Protein backbone atom coordinates (compact mmCIF):
# COMPACT_ATOMS: atom_id res chain seq x y z
CA UNK A 1 -6.37 -2.00 14.35
CA UNK A 2 -6.88 -4.53 17.11
CA UNK A 3 -7.67 -7.28 16.46
CA UNK A 4 -10.79 -7.49 18.36
CA UNK A 5 -12.03 -3.44 16.03
CA UNK A 6 -11.02 -5.83 13.34
CA UNK A 7 -13.33 -9.01 14.00
CA UNK A 8 -15.93 -6.94 15.27
CA UNK A 9 -15.81 -5.09 11.18
CA UNK A 10 -15.73 -8.75 9.74
CA UNK A 11 -18.92 -9.14 11.97
CA UNK A 12 -20.94 -5.97 10.38
CA UNK A 13 -19.33 -7.44 6.95
CA UNK A 14 -20.67 -10.53 6.72
CA UNK A 15 -23.58 -9.39 8.44
CA UNK A 16 -24.79 -7.12 5.82
CA UNK A 17 -23.71 -9.89 3.26
CA UNK A 18 -26.11 -12.38 4.55
CA UNK A 19 -28.71 -9.95 5.01
CA UNK A 20 -28.33 -9.16 1.70
CA UNK A 21 -28.84 -12.24 0.37
CA UNK A 22 -32.14 -12.65 1.83
CA UNK A 23 -33.64 -9.42 0.68
CA UNK A 24 -32.31 -10.53 -2.77
CA UNK A 25 -34.45 -13.62 -2.65
CA UNK A 26 -37.50 -11.37 -1.40
CA UNK A 27 -36.85 -8.87 -4.58
CA UNK A 28 -36.81 -12.72 -6.89
CA UNK A 29 -40.11 -13.06 -5.01
CA UNK A 30 -38.88 -16.56 -3.22
CA UNK A 31 -40.17 -18.33 -0.43
CA UNK A 32 -38.17 -16.55 1.99
CA UNK A 33 -39.63 -18.43 4.85
CA UNK A 34 -39.10 -21.20 3.86
CA UNK A 35 -35.65 -20.28 2.93
CA UNK A 36 -35.11 -19.34 6.69
CA UNK A 37 -36.14 -23.05 7.74
CA UNK A 38 -33.82 -24.78 5.28
CA UNK A 39 -31.53 -22.64 6.63
CA UNK A 40 -28.72 -25.50 7.94
CA UNK A 41 -28.25 -26.20 11.83
CA UNK A 42 -24.99 -26.12 11.99
CA UNK A 43 -24.38 -22.14 10.82
CA UNK A 44 -26.10 -20.72 13.60
CA UNK A 45 -24.66 -17.01 12.56
CA UNK A 46 -26.47 -17.51 9.45
CA UNK A 47 -29.82 -18.14 11.25
CA UNK A 48 -29.73 -15.38 13.52
CA UNK A 49 -29.01 -13.02 11.12
CA UNK A 50 -31.72 -14.70 9.14
CA UNK A 51 -34.30 -14.40 11.96
CA UNK A 52 -33.50 -11.06 12.09
CA UNK A 53 -33.69 -9.80 8.34
CA UNK A 54 -36.71 -12.07 7.68
CA UNK A 55 -38.33 -10.06 10.75
CA UNK A 56 -37.40 -6.90 9.44
CA UNK A 57 -39.25 -7.99 6.12
CA UNK A 58 -41.68 -8.24 7.34
CA UNK A 59 -42.60 -5.20 9.11
CA UNK A 60 -41.47 -3.33 6.24
CA UNK A 61 -44.59 -4.93 3.98
CA UNK A 62 -46.90 -4.46 6.77
CA UNK A 63 -46.05 -0.46 7.32
CA UNK A 64 -46.14 -0.20 3.35
CA UNK A 65 -48.76 -2.18 2.48
CA UNK A 66 -51.37 -0.45 0.29
CA UNK A 67 -49.14 2.52 -0.30
CA UNK A 68 -49.03 4.02 -3.83
CA UNK A 69 -45.09 4.23 -4.90
CA UNK A 70 -45.06 8.37 -4.92
CA UNK A 71 -44.48 9.14 -8.38
CA UNK A 72 -41.08 11.10 -9.52
CA UNK A 73 -41.08 15.03 -9.20
CA UNK A 74 -40.73 17.02 -12.36
CA UNK A 75 -37.97 18.86 -10.95
């Protein structure tokens, strides 16, 4: 495996881990804006991922606002 491909794969795995951290905080109903704001300045990758994920979470919230969950069908 080429070093560049390995680095991209590692970056994908790390990005997914950081995204999951913020999603789990959201699911625990924590203040994710405060978490993003408190992200250390010496970790720009985490800041970038969390800012992007925060935007996605809020966009999904807007799309789902007012929609009731669909009950499972009796198959």
